[in-house]
Amino acid sequence: MKIIDGLHEETILTDLKSNDKKGVLEELSAPMEKITGISHNVLVKVLLERERLGSTGIGDGIGIPHGKLKDLDNLILGFGLSQKGVNFDSLDGRPTHIFFLLFTPENSTGLHLKLLARISKILKNDAIKKKLLNAANKDEVFSILKEEDENL
């Protein structure tokens, strides 16, 4: 499965306002409520529970918060960009600027891991990270991800 298959225009946020981890998770989850039909509070709770196991801030300016939901039929992805950066308890202690939010159905461990690996692979490319950081709008983010997704 490709990243863009689970990404919706309304789940791409190119100007995150939050200054902390919980705020970013709330902001990224907000558009997911309408698409999934799952309450915003439940979405945030699942993400915070996952963060208690260890930060999903993988370092190098990247965070991939994720969770599994029993009432979800299909995976859904979100993307967020913070120009100023957020303290996301990243492994390297540096601010996080690029966020991918991932929710998958509870019983889809293989899909969940494959998508996490796909996102990580794209973000290891510094040129792609730079393009994403400089993306002006949702359409540009989608276009960048679509092009990279097809090249994997």
N, C-alpha and C. Protein backbone atom coordinates (compact mmCIF):
# COMPACT_ATOMS: atom_id res chain seq x y z
N MET A 1 0.84 -1.19 0.00
CA MET A 1 0.00 0.00 0.00
C MET A 1 0.88 1.24 0.00
N LYS A 2 0.45 2.22 -0.75
CA LYS A 2 1.18 3.48 -0.85
C LYS A 2 0.70 4.48 0.21
N ILE A 3 1.57 5.39 0.56
CA ILE A 3 1.23 6.43 1.53
C ILE A 3 0.02 7.23 1.06
N ILE A 4 0.03 7.61 -0.20
CA ILE A 4 -1.04 8.49 -0.68
C ILE A 4 -2.40 7.79 -0.71
N ASP A 5 -2.43 6.46 -0.64
CA ASP A 5 -3.71 5.75 -0.61
C ASP A 5 -4.48 6.04 0.68
N GLY A 6 -3.77 6.36 1.75
CA GLY A 6 -4.44 6.62 3.02
C GLY A 6 -4.45 8.08 3.42
N LEU A 7 -3.88 8.93 2.56
CA LEU A 7 -3.77 10.36 2.87
C LEU A 7 -4.92 11.12 2.22
N HIS A 8 -5.58 11.95 2.99
CA HIS A 8 -6.69 12.77 2.50
C HIS A 8 -6.28 14.23 2.52
N GLU A 9 -6.81 15.00 1.59
CA GLU A 9 -6.45 16.42 1.52
C GLU A 9 -6.66 17.13 2.85
N GLU A 10 -7.78 16.83 3.51
CA GLU A 10 -8.08 17.52 4.77
C GLU A 10 -7.20 17.08 5.94
N THR A 11 -6.43 15.99 5.77
CA THR A 11 -5.53 15.55 6.84
C THR A 11 -4.10 16.05 6.64
N ILE A 12 -3.91 16.93 5.67
CA ILE A 12 -2.59 17.54 5.44
C ILE A 12 -2.63 18.95 6.02
N LEU A 13 -1.85 19.18 7.06
CA LEU A 13 -1.80 20.47 7.74
C LEU A 13 -0.40 21.05 7.57
N THR A 14 -0.28 22.13 6.83
CA THR A 14 1.04 22.67 6.51
C THR A 14 1.45 23.83 7.42
N ASP A 15 0.63 24.15 8.42
CA ASP A 15 0.97 25.24 9.32
C ASP A 15 0.51 24.93 10.74
N LEU A 16 1.15 23.93 11.35
CA LEU A 16 0.79 23.57 12.72
C LEU A 16 1.10 24.72 13.66
N LYS A 17 0.18 24.98 14.56
CA LYS A 17 0.32 26.10 15.50
C LYS A 17 0.79 25.67 16.88
N SER A 18 0.63 24.40 17.20
CA SER A 18 0.91 23.91 18.55
C SER A 18 2.39 24.01 18.91
N ASN A 19 2.62 24.19 20.23
CA ASN A 19 3.98 24.32 20.74
C ASN A 19 4.46 23.10 21.52
N ASP A 20 3.56 22.11 21.72
CA ASP A 20 3.95 20.94 22.50
C ASP A 20 3.38 19.67 21.89
N LYS A 21 3.83 18.54 22.40
CA LYS A 21 3.45 17.24 21.85
C LYS A 21 1.94 17.03 21.88
N LYS A 22 1.31 17.24 23.03
CA LYS A 22 -0.14 16.99 23.13
C LYS A 22 -0.90 17.89 22.16
N GLY A 23 -0.49 19.14 22.05
CA GLY A 23 -1.14 20.06 21.13
C GLY A 23 -1.03 19.61 19.69
N VAL A 24 0.15 19.13 19.30
CA VAL A 24 0.34 18.64 17.93
C VAL A 24 -0.55 17.42 17.68
N LEU A 25 -0.61 16.50 18.64
CA LEU A 25 -1.45 15.31 18.47
C LEU A 25 -2.92 15.69 18.35
N GLU A 26 -3.35 16.67 19.13
CA GLU A 26 -4.74 17.15 19.05
C GLU A 26 -5.01 17.80 17.69
N GLU A 27 -4.07 18.62 17.26
CA GLU A 27 -4.22 19.33 15.99
C GLU A 27 -4.26 18.35 14.81
N LEU A 28 -3.33 17.41 14.79
CA LEU A 28 -3.27 16.43 13.70
C LEU A 28 -4.49 15.51 13.69
N SER A 29 -5.05 15.22 14.86
CA SER A 29 -6.19 14.31 14.97
C SER A 29 -7.52 14.96 14.59
N ALA A 30 -7.60 16.26 14.71
CA ALA A 30 -8.88 16.94 14.49
C ALA A 30 -9.55 16.58 13.16
N PRO A 31 -8.85 16.66 12.02
CA PRO A 31 -9.55 16.32 10.77
C PRO A 31 -9.85 14.82 10.62
N MET A 32 -9.23 13.99 11.45
CA MET A 32 -9.45 12.55 11.37
C MET A 32 -10.82 12.15 11.91
N GLU A 33 -11.35 12.94 12.83
CA GLU A 33 -12.63 12.61 13.45
C GLU A 33 -13.73 12.48 12.39
N LYS A 34 -13.80 13.44 11.50
CA LYS A 34 -14.85 13.45 10.47
C LYS A 34 -14.70 12.25 9.52
N ILE A 35 -13.48 11.92 9.17
CA ILE A 35 -13.23 10.84 8.22
C ILE A 35 -13.47 9.46 8.85
N THR A 36 -13.01 9.29 10.09
CA THR A 36 -13.11 7.98 10.74
C THR A 36 -14.43 7.76 11.46
N GLY A 37 -15.09 8.86 11.86
CA GLY A 37 -16.29 8.73 12.67
C GLY A 37 -15.97 8.40 14.12
N ILE A 38 -14.69 8.48 14.47
CA ILE A 38 -14.24 8.20 15.84
C ILE A 38 -13.96 9.52 16.54
N SER A 39 -14.42 9.63 17.75
CA SER A 39 -14.30 10.89 18.50
C SER A 39 -12.84 11.37 18.60
N HIS A 40 -12.69 12.67 18.50
CA HIS A 40 -11.37 13.30 18.60
C HIS A 40 -10.68 12.91 19.90
N ASN A 41 -11.44 12.88 21.00
CA ASN A 41 -10.87 12.52 22.30
C ASN A 41 -10.30 11.10 22.30
N VAL A 42 -11.00 10.18 21.64
CA VAL A 42 -10.52 8.80 21.56
C VAL A 42 -9.24 8.74 20.74
N LEU A 43 -9.21 9.44 19.62
CA LEU A 43 -8.02 9.45 18.77
C LEU A 43 -6.80 9.97 19.53
N VAL A 44 -6.97 11.07 20.23
CA VAL A 44 -5.86 11.66 21.00
C VAL A 44 -5.44 10.71 22.12
N LYS A 45 -6.40 10.10 22.78
CA LYS A 45 -6.09 9.17 23.88
C LYS A 45 -5.22 8.00 23.38
N VAL A 46 -5.58 7.44 22.22
CA VAL A 46 -4.82 6.33 21.64
C VAL A 46 -3.38 6.77 21.35
N LEU A 47 -3.24 7.97 20.81
CA LEU A 47 -1.89 8.47 20.49
C LEU A 47 -1.07 8.72 21.75
N LEU A 48 -1.68 9.31 22.76
CA LEU A 48 -0.96 9.58 24.02
C LEU A 48 -0.56 8.27 24.71
N GLU A 49 -1.43 7.27 24.64
CA GLU A 49 -1.08 5.96 25.23
C GLU A 49 0.13 5.37 24.51
N ARG A 50 0.17 5.51 23.19
CA ARG A 50 1.32 5.01 22.42
C ARG A 50 2.59 5.78 22.80
N GLU A 51 2.47 7.09 22.96
CA GLU A 51 3.63 7.93 23.31
C GLU A 51 4.19 7.55 24.68
N ARG A 52 3.35 7.05 25.58
CA ARG A 52 3.84 6.63 26.90
C ARG A 52 4.78 5.43 26.80
N LEU A 53 4.63 4.65 25.74
CA LEU A 53 5.52 3.50 25.53
C LEU A 53 6.90 3.94 25.05
N GLY A 54 6.98 5.12 24.48
CA GLY A 54 8.22 5.66 23.93
C GLY A 54 7.86 6.67 22.86
N SER A 55 8.65 7.68 22.76
CA SER A 55 8.35 8.76 21.81
C SER A 55 8.39 8.26 20.36
N THR A 56 7.47 8.76 19.58
CA THR A 56 7.46 8.47 18.15
C THR A 56 8.20 9.58 17.40
N GLY A 57 8.88 10.44 18.15
CA GLY A 57 9.78 11.41 17.54
C GLY A 57 11.08 10.67 17.24
N ILE A 58 11.29 10.32 15.97
CA ILE A 58 12.40 9.44 15.63
C ILE A 58 13.72 10.19 15.44
N GLY A 59 13.67 11.51 15.53
CA GLY A 59 14.87 12.30 15.38
C GLY A 59 14.98 12.90 13.99
N ASP A 60 15.98 13.75 13.82
CA ASP A 60 16.23 14.41 12.55
C ASP A 60 15.03 15.23 12.08
N GLY A 61 14.27 15.76 13.05
CA GLY A 61 13.14 16.63 12.72
C GLY A 61 11.87 15.92 12.34
N ILE A 62 11.79 14.60 12.61
CA ILE A 62 10.65 13.80 12.15
C ILE A 62 9.93 13.13 13.32
N GLY A 63 8.60 13.16 13.24
CA GLY A 63 7.76 12.44 14.19
C GLY A 63 6.73 11.62 13.44
N ILE A 64 6.52 10.40 13.89
CA ILE A 64 5.53 9.53 13.25
C ILE A 64 4.59 8.97 14.32
N PRO A 65 3.75 9.83 14.89
CA PRO A 65 2.80 9.33 15.89
C PRO A 65 1.82 8.36 15.21
N HIS A 66 1.51 7.28 15.92
CA HIS A 66 0.64 6.28 15.33
C HIS A 66 -0.11 5.51 16.40
N GLY A 67 -1.20 4.89 15.97
CA GLY A 67 -1.99 4.08 16.88
C GLY A 67 -2.90 3.15 16.12
N LYS A 68 -3.43 2.18 16.84
CA LYS A 68 -4.36 1.21 16.26
C LYS A 68 -5.73 1.42 16.89
N LEU A 69 -6.76 1.29 16.05
CA LEU A 69 -8.13 1.53 16.50
C LEU A 69 -9.02 0.35 16.13
N LYS A 70 -9.76 -0.17 17.12
CA LYS A 70 -10.60 -1.34 16.85
C LYS A 70 -11.80 -0.99 15.96
N ASP A 71 -12.26 0.25 15.98
CA ASP A 71 -13.43 0.63 15.19
C ASP A 71 -13.08 1.22 13.83
N LEU A 72 -11.87 1.01 13.39
CA LEU A 72 -11.43 1.57 12.11
C LEU A 72 -11.41 0.47 11.05
N ASP A 73 -11.95 0.78 9.87
CA ASP A 73 -12.00 -0.20 8.79
C ASP A 73 -10.76 -0.15 7.89
N ASN A 74 -10.26 1.05 7.64
CA ASN A 74 -9.11 1.24 6.75
C ASN A 74 -8.10 2.16 7.40
N LEU A 75 -6.87 2.02 6.98
CA LEU A 75 -5.85 2.92 7.53
C LEU A 75 -6.09 4.34 7.05
N ILE A 76 -5.63 5.28 7.85
CA ILE A 76 -5.74 6.68 7.50
C ILE A 76 -4.47 7.39 7.94
N LEU A 77 -4.02 8.27 7.09
CA LEU A 77 -2.77 9.01 7.34
C LEU A 77 -3.03 10.50 7.40
N GLY A 78 -2.22 11.17 8.18
CA GLY A 78 -2.22 12.63 8.21
C GLY A 78 -0.79 13.11 8.09
N PHE A 79 -0.65 14.35 7.70
CA PHE A 79 0.67 14.97 7.57
C PHE A 79 0.61 16.35 8.21
N GLY A 80 1.65 16.70 8.93
CA GLY A 80 1.72 18.02 9.54
C GLY A 80 3.10 18.62 9.41
N LEU A 81 3.12 19.93 9.32
CA LEU A 81 4.37 20.66 9.17
C LEU A 81 4.40 21.79 10.19
N SER A 82 5.47 21.85 10.97
CA SER A 82 5.67 22.93 11.94
C SER A 82 6.95 23.66 11.57
N GLN A 83 6.82 24.88 11.12
CA GLN A 83 7.99 25.65 10.72
C GLN A 83 8.91 25.93 11.90
N LYS A 84 8.34 26.25 13.06
CA LYS A 84 9.17 26.60 14.22
C LYS A 84 9.71 25.37 14.94
N GLY A 85 9.07 24.22 14.71
CA GLY A 85 9.50 23.00 15.39
C GLY A 85 8.86 22.87 16.76
N VAL A 86 8.72 21.63 17.19
CA VAL A 86 8.05 21.31 18.44
C VAL A 86 8.91 20.34 19.24
N ASN A 87 8.95 20.53 20.55
CA ASN A 87 9.61 19.55 21.41
C ASN A 87 8.72 18.32 21.46
N PHE A 88 9.13 17.26 20.78
CA PHE A 88 8.34 16.05 20.67
C PHE A 88 9.04 14.88 21.36
N ASP A 89 9.93 15.21 22.29
CA ASP A 89 10.71 14.19 23.01
C ASP A 89 11.43 13.26 22.04
N SER A 90 11.97 13.86 20.98
CA SER A 90 12.66 13.07 19.95
C SER A 90 13.91 12.43 20.50
N LEU A 91 14.30 11.34 19.87
CA LEU A 91 15.47 10.59 20.29
C LEU A 91 16.73 11.43 20.30
N ASP A 92 16.83 12.39 19.36
CA ASP A 92 18.03 13.24 19.30
C ASP A 92 17.88 14.54 20.08
N GLY A 93 16.71 14.75 20.71
CA GLY A 93 16.49 15.94 21.52
C GLY A 93 16.25 17.22 20.73
N ARG A 94 16.22 17.12 19.40
CA ARG A 94 16.02 18.30 18.56
C ARG A 94 14.53 18.49 18.26
N PRO A 95 14.14 19.71 17.88
CA PRO A 95 12.73 19.97 17.55
C PRO A 95 12.26 19.14 16.34
N THR A 96 10.98 18.84 16.34
CA THR A 96 10.36 18.08 15.26
C THR A 96 9.58 19.03 14.37
N HIS A 97 9.76 18.89 13.06
CA HIS A 97 9.12 19.77 12.07
C HIS A 97 8.14 19.02 11.17
N ILE A 98 8.46 17.78 10.82
CA ILE A 98 7.64 16.99 9.89
C ILE A 98 6.97 15.86 10.67
N PHE A 99 5.65 15.79 10.52
CA PHE A 99 4.86 14.77 11.23
C PHE A 99 4.04 13.95 10.24
N PHE A 100 4.07 12.65 10.42
CA PHE A 100 3.14 11.76 9.75
C PHE A 100 2.32 11.12 10.85
N LEU A 101 1.01 11.22 10.76
CA LEU A 101 0.11 10.60 11.72
C LEU A 101 -0.51 9.38 11.05
N LEU A 102 -0.49 8.26 11.73
CA LEU A 102 -0.98 7.02 11.16
C LEU A 102 -1.91 6.31 12.12
N PHE A 103 -3.12 6.01 11.64
CA PHE A 103 -4.05 5.16 12.37
C PHE A 103 -4.35 3.95 11.50
N THR A 104 -4.27 2.77 12.09
CA THR A 104 -4.60 1.55 11.37
C THR A 104 -5.60 0.73 12.19
N PRO A 105 -6.34 -0.16 11.50
CA PRO A 105 -7.24 -1.05 12.24
C PRO A 105 -6.44 -1.90 13.23
N GLU A 106 -7.07 -2.25 14.32
CA GLU A 106 -6.41 -2.96 15.41
C GLU A 106 -5.72 -4.26 14.99
N ASN A 107 -6.30 -4.97 14.03
CA ASN A 107 -5.78 -6.29 13.65
C ASN A 107 -4.90 -6.25 12.40
N SER A 108 -4.28 -5.11 12.12
CA SER A 108 -3.51 -4.99 10.86
C SER A 108 -2.03 -4.69 11.13
N THR A 109 -1.41 -5.49 11.96
CA THR A 109 -0.03 -5.25 12.34
C THR A 109 0.92 -5.21 11.15
N GLY A 110 0.76 -6.12 10.21
CA GLY A 110 1.64 -6.15 9.04
C GLY A 110 1.55 -4.88 8.22
N LEU A 111 0.34 -4.43 7.96
CA LEU A 111 0.12 -3.20 7.20
C LEU A 111 0.70 -2.00 7.95
N HIS A 112 0.47 -1.97 9.23
CA HIS A 112 0.95 -0.90 10.10
C HIS A 112 2.48 -0.78 9.98
N LEU A 113 3.16 -1.90 10.12
CA LEU A 113 4.63 -1.90 10.06
C LEU A 113 5.15 -1.56 8.67
N LYS A 114 4.49 -2.05 7.64
CA LYS A 114 4.90 -1.75 6.27
C LYS A 114 4.80 -0.26 5.97
N LEU A 115 3.72 0.35 6.43
CA LEU A 115 3.54 1.78 6.18
C LEU A 115 4.54 2.62 6.97
N LEU A 116 4.81 2.23 8.21
CA LEU A 116 5.83 2.93 9.00
C LEU A 116 7.19 2.85 8.30
N ALA A 117 7.51 1.67 7.78
CA ALA A 117 8.78 1.49 7.08
C ALA A 117 8.83 2.33 5.80
N ARG A 118 7.72 2.40 5.08
CA ARG A 118 7.65 3.18 3.84
C ARG A 118 7.85 4.68 4.13
N ILE A 119 7.19 5.17 5.17
CA ILE A 119 7.34 6.58 5.56
C ILE A 119 8.79 6.85 5.94
N SER A 120 9.36 5.98 6.76
CA SER A 120 10.75 6.15 7.20
C SER A 120 11.71 6.17 6.02
N LYS A 121 11.46 5.30 5.05
CA LYS A 121 12.34 5.22 3.88
C LYS A 121 12.31 6.53 3.08
N ILE A 122 11.12 7.07 2.87
CA ILE A 122 11.00 8.34 2.14
C ILE A 122 11.72 9.46 2.89
N LEU A 123 11.57 9.47 4.21
CA LEU A 123 12.11 10.58 5.00
C LEU A 123 13.61 10.46 5.27
N LYS A 124 14.22 9.36 4.88
CA LYS A 124 15.68 9.26 5.00
C LYS A 124 16.37 10.08 3.92
N ASN A 125 15.63 10.46 2.91
CA ASN A 125 16.16 11.25 1.81
C ASN A 125 16.11 12.74 2.20
N ASP A 126 17.27 13.34 2.42
CA ASP A 126 17.33 14.74 2.85
C ASP A 126 16.69 15.70 1.85
N ALA A 127 16.80 15.41 0.57
CA ALA A 127 16.21 16.28 -0.45
C ALA A 127 14.68 16.28 -0.33
N ILE A 128 14.11 15.14 -0.04
CA ILE A 128 12.65 15.05 0.12
C ILE A 128 12.22 15.79 1.37
N LYS A 129 12.96 15.60 2.46
CA LYS A 129 12.64 16.33 3.69
C LYS A 129 12.65 17.84 3.45
N LYS A 130 13.66 18.30 2.72
CA LYS A 130 13.77 19.73 2.43
C LYS A 130 12.59 20.21 1.59
N LYS A 131 12.20 19.41 0.59
CA LYS A 131 11.05 19.76 -0.24
C LYS A 131 9.78 19.87 0.62
N LEU A 132 9.60 18.90 1.50
CA LEU A 132 8.41 18.92 2.36
C LEU A 132 8.42 20.12 3.30
N LEU A 133 9.58 20.42 3.88
CA LEU A 133 9.68 21.57 4.77
C LEU A 133 9.36 22.88 4.06
N ASN A 134 9.66 22.95 2.77
CA ASN A 134 9.43 24.16 2.01
C ASN A 134 8.12 24.16 1.22
N ALA A 135 7.32 23.11 1.39
CA ALA A 135 6.05 23.03 0.67
C ALA A 135 5.14 24.19 1.07
N ALA A 136 4.55 24.81 0.08
CA ALA A 136 3.73 26.00 0.30
C ALA A 136 2.29 25.66 0.70
N ASN A 137 1.82 24.47 0.30
CA ASN A 137 0.42 24.15 0.56
C ASN A 137 0.18 22.64 0.50
N LYS A 138 -1.07 22.24 0.75
CA LYS A 138 -1.45 20.83 0.77
C LYS A 138 -1.17 20.15 -0.56
N ASP A 139 -1.49 20.84 -1.65
CA ASP A 139 -1.31 20.26 -2.98
C ASP A 139 0.16 19.93 -3.24
N GLU A 140 1.03 20.81 -2.80
CA GLU A 140 2.46 20.58 -3.01
C GLU A 140 2.95 19.39 -2.18
N VAL A 141 2.49 19.30 -0.94
CA VAL A 141 2.85 18.16 -0.08
C VAL A 141 2.39 16.87 -0.74
N PHE A 142 1.13 16.84 -1.18
CA PHE A 142 0.58 15.64 -1.80
C PHE A 142 1.38 15.26 -3.04
N SER A 143 1.71 16.24 -3.85
CA SER A 143 2.47 16.01 -5.08
C SER A 143 3.86 15.42 -4.79
N ILE A 144 4.54 15.96 -3.79
CA ILE A 144 5.86 15.47 -3.40
C ILE A 144 5.76 14.02 -2.94
N LEU A 145 4.79 13.75 -2.08
CA LEU A 145 4.63 12.39 -1.55
C LEU A 145 4.21 11.40 -2.63
N LYS A 146 3.36 11.84 -3.52
CA LYS A 146 2.92 10.97 -4.61
C LYS A 146 4.11 10.57 -5.49
N GLU A 147 4.93 11.55 -5.83
CA GLU A 147 6.09 11.27 -6.68
C GLU A 147 7.04 10.30 -5.99
N GLU A 148 7.31 10.51 -4.72
CA GLU A 148 8.23 9.63 -3.99
C GLU A 148 7.63 8.25 -3.78
N ASP A 149 6.34 8.21 -3.49
CA ASP A 149 5.64 6.95 -3.29
C ASP A 149 5.75 6.07 -4.53
N GLU A 150 5.65 6.67 -5.69
CA GLU A 150 5.72 5.92 -6.95
C GLU A 150 7.14 5.47 -7.26
N ASN A 151 8.13 6.13 -6.69
CA ASN A 151 9.53 5.77 -6.95
C ASN A 151 10.04 4.67 -6.03
N LEU A 152 9.27 4.31 -5.01
CA LEU A 152 9.71 3.26 -4.08
C LEU A 152 9.50 1.88 -4.66
